[in-house]
Amino acid sequence: MTPSSPSPEITLRRATADDAGAAADVLLRSRAAALPTVAWPRSDDEVRDYFRDVVVPHRETWVAEASSADGIVGVMVLAGDEVSQLYLLPDWRGHGIGDLFLALAKGRGPGGLTLWTFQVNKPAHRFYERHGFTAVEYTDGGGNEEREPDVRYVWQP
């Protein structure tokens, strides 16, 4: 599917235990495509185990399905007022899925939201800024397990 193709019908729903592997694969494929220079401290299998054992059963995890796809094309994890993860399959960027996820997050966190992204992820900066988020803190990466400089964004209604 190309960005010029008509956007398919997208459904957002809470993840179930059966979605954990596919949701982890969305994260892994997205990171590999968007952040090739970031050194990841966990193996793919460790990420899949974490999604299966921690993220899906214990976090507010949402998935996106497209009518024209066979499976999950996006994942978002909320932790209170934090968007702790938002990833899309590379071919599914530009179809409004991130917009839908953020609208859902804002509805569930009407008092405001926060999130972190890496400083090298300029497309994410543009995306979040377009949605009203403001960069409020830049770090050298000493506080994250990747040791990658990051930026904290805040959205206030």
Protein backbone atom coordinates (compact mmCIF):
# COMPACT_ATOMS: atom_id res chain seq x y z
CA MET A 1 0.00 0.00 0.00
CA THR A 2 1.39 3.42 -0.90
CA PRO A 3 0.66 6.70 0.88
CA SER A 4 -1.28 7.88 -2.18
CA SER A 5 -3.68 4.93 -1.88
CA PRO A 6 -7.03 5.61 -0.26
CA SER A 7 -6.92 5.07 3.49
CA PRO A 8 -8.50 1.79 4.55
CA GLU A 9 -10.99 1.51 7.38
CA ILE A 10 -9.05 1.42 10.63
CA THR A 11 -10.28 -0.18 13.84
CA LEU A 12 -8.71 0.51 17.23
CA ARG A 13 -9.31 -1.96 20.03
CA ARG A 14 -7.78 -3.13 23.29
CA ALA A 15 -5.15 -5.78 22.80
CA THR A 16 -5.78 -9.32 23.94
CA ALA A 17 -3.27 -11.99 24.94
CA ASP A 18 -3.45 -13.35 21.40
CA ASP A 19 -2.23 -9.98 20.05
CA ALA A 20 1.01 -9.82 22.05
CA GLY A 21 3.28 -11.36 19.42
CA ALA A 22 1.91 -9.28 16.56
CA ALA A 23 2.05 -6.10 18.65
CA ALA A 24 5.69 -6.78 19.55
CA ASP A 25 6.46 -7.39 15.88
CA VAL A 26 4.98 -3.98 15.00
CA LEU A 27 7.34 -2.35 17.47
CA LEU A 28 10.35 -4.32 16.22
CA ARG A 29 9.69 -3.62 12.54
CA SER A 30 8.93 0.05 13.18
CA ARG A 31 12.10 0.60 15.23
CA ALA A 32 14.27 -1.18 12.67
CA ALA A 33 12.94 1.05 9.88
CA ALA A 34 12.72 4.38 11.71
CA LEU A 35 15.67 4.19 14.09
CA PRO A 36 18.46 2.14 12.49
CA THR A 37 21.20 3.99 14.41
CA VAL A 38 19.79 3.27 17.89
CA ALA A 39 21.40 0.35 19.75
CA TRP A 40 18.66 -1.73 21.35
CA PRO A 41 19.58 -3.39 24.66
CA ARG A 42 17.09 -6.26 24.32
CA SER A 43 16.85 -9.04 21.78
CA ASP A 44 13.75 -9.44 19.63
CA ASP A 45 12.78 -12.51 21.66
CA GLU A 46 13.08 -10.53 24.91
CA VAL A 47 10.82 -7.83 23.47
CA ARG A 48 8.25 -10.45 22.45
CA ASP A 49 8.38 -12.02 25.94
CA TYR A 50 7.96 -8.59 27.54
CA PHE A 51 4.89 -7.86 25.43
CA ARG A 52 3.41 -11.26 26.23
CA ASP A 53 4.19 -11.24 29.98
CA VAL A 54 4.00 -7.55 30.93
CA VAL A 55 2.73 -5.11 28.33
CA VAL A 56 -0.47 -6.70 27.07
CA PRO A 57 -1.68 -8.22 30.36
CA HIS A 58 -0.71 -5.29 32.63
CA ARG A 59 -0.69 -2.11 30.52
CA GLU A 60 -3.41 -0.29 28.63
CA THR A 61 -2.44 -1.63 25.22
CA TRP A 62 -4.31 -0.71 22.05
CA VAL A 63 -3.90 -2.13 18.57
CA ALA A 64 -4.91 -0.90 15.13
CA GLU A 65 -6.27 -3.18 12.45
CA ALA A 66 -6.87 -2.13 8.87
CA SER A 67 -9.68 -3.55 6.75
CA SER A 68 -7.24 -4.25 3.93
CA ALA A 69 -4.54 -5.89 6.08
CA ASP A 70 -4.24 -9.30 7.62
CA GLY A 71 -3.43 -8.44 11.20
CA ILE A 72 -2.25 -5.64 13.41
CA VAL A 73 -0.66 -2.57 11.79
CA GLY A 74 -0.14 -0.36 14.87
CA VAL A 75 0.21 -0.46 18.64
CA MET A 76 -0.10 2.17 21.39
CA VAL A 77 0.53 1.67 25.10
CA LEU A 78 -0.73 4.11 27.71
CA ALA A 79 0.59 4.31 31.26
CA GLY A 80 -1.62 6.80 33.08
CA ASP A 81 -1.01 10.15 31.41
CA GLU A 82 1.97 8.87 29.41
CA VAL A 83 1.96 7.58 25.87
CA SER A 84 4.68 5.04 26.59
CA GLN A 85 4.71 3.45 23.13
CA LEU A 86 3.26 4.28 19.73
CA TYR A 87 4.46 2.30 16.73
CA LEU A 88 3.15 1.62 13.23
CA LEU A 89 4.29 -0.83 10.59
CA PRO A 90 6.48 1.17 8.19
CA ASP A 91 4.12 0.76 5.22
CA TRP A 92 1.21 2.03 7.32
CA ARG A 93 2.61 5.44 8.19
CA GLY A 94 0.66 8.27 6.59
CA HIS A 95 -2.75 6.58 6.78
CA GLY A 96 -4.08 8.43 9.84
CA ILE A 97 -3.50 5.62 12.33
CA GLY A 98 -1.21 7.71 14.54
CA ASP A 99 -3.81 10.49 14.46
CA LEU A 100 -6.47 8.03 15.65
CA PHE A 101 -4.21 6.72 18.41
CA LEU A 102 -3.45 10.22 19.69
CA ALA A 103 -7.12 11.22 19.60
CA LEU A 104 -7.86 8.15 21.71
CA ALA A 105 -5.01 8.96 24.11
CA LYS A 106 -6.21 12.56 24.49
CA GLY A 107 -9.71 11.31 25.21
CA ARG A 108 -8.39 8.96 27.88
CA GLY A 109 -6.03 11.59 29.32
CA PRO A 110 -8.04 14.81 29.12
CA GLY A 111 -5.86 16.51 31.74
CA GLY A 112 -2.80 16.26 29.54
CA LEU A 113 -0.29 13.76 28.22
CA THR A 114 3.44 13.25 28.19
CA LEU A 115 5.75 11.07 26.11
CA TRP A 116 9.40 10.52 25.28
CA THR A 117 10.99 10.09 21.88
CA PHE A 118 14.58 9.95 20.73
CA GLN A 119 16.20 13.15 19.51
CA VAL A 120 17.19 11.43 16.25
CA ASN A 121 13.53 10.65 15.46
CA LYS A 122 12.72 13.89 13.64
CA PRO A 123 9.58 12.51 11.93
CA ALA A 124 8.15 11.71 15.39
CA HIS A 125 8.94 15.26 16.56
CA ARG A 126 7.02 16.72 13.62
CA PHE A 127 4.13 14.32 14.20
CA TYR A 128 3.76 15.10 17.90
CA GLU A 129 4.22 18.85 17.41
CA ARG A 130 1.51 18.79 14.74
CA HIS A 131 -0.76 17.29 17.42
CA GLY A 132 -0.08 20.07 19.92
CA PHE A 133 2.74 18.50 21.92
CA THR A 134 5.57 20.76 23.09
CA ALA A 135 9.16 19.69 23.76
CA VAL A 136 9.92 20.48 27.41
CA GLU A 137 13.06 18.51 28.24
CA TYR A 138 16.10 17.22 26.36
CA THR A 139 18.44 14.64 27.89
CA ASP A 140 21.75 13.01 27.04
CA GLY A 141 20.11 9.58 27.21
CA GLY A 142 21.59 8.69 30.59
CA GLY A 143 18.13 7.88 31.94
CA ASN A 144 17.03 5.38 29.28
CA GLU A 145 18.28 1.86 28.69
CA GLU A 146 19.31 2.62 25.11
CA ARG A 147 21.59 5.46 26.30
CA GLU A 148 20.22 7.49 23.40
CA PRO A 149 19.57 11.24 23.75
CA ASP A 150 15.84 11.81 24.05
CA VAL A 151 13.21 14.51 24.39
CA ARG A 152 10.12 14.68 26.57
CA TYR A 153 6.96 16.10 25.03
CA VAL A 154 3.88 17.38 26.85
CA TRP A 155 0.37 18.03 25.60
CA GLN A 156 -1.94 20.25 27.63
CA PRO A 157 -5.58 20.73 26.56
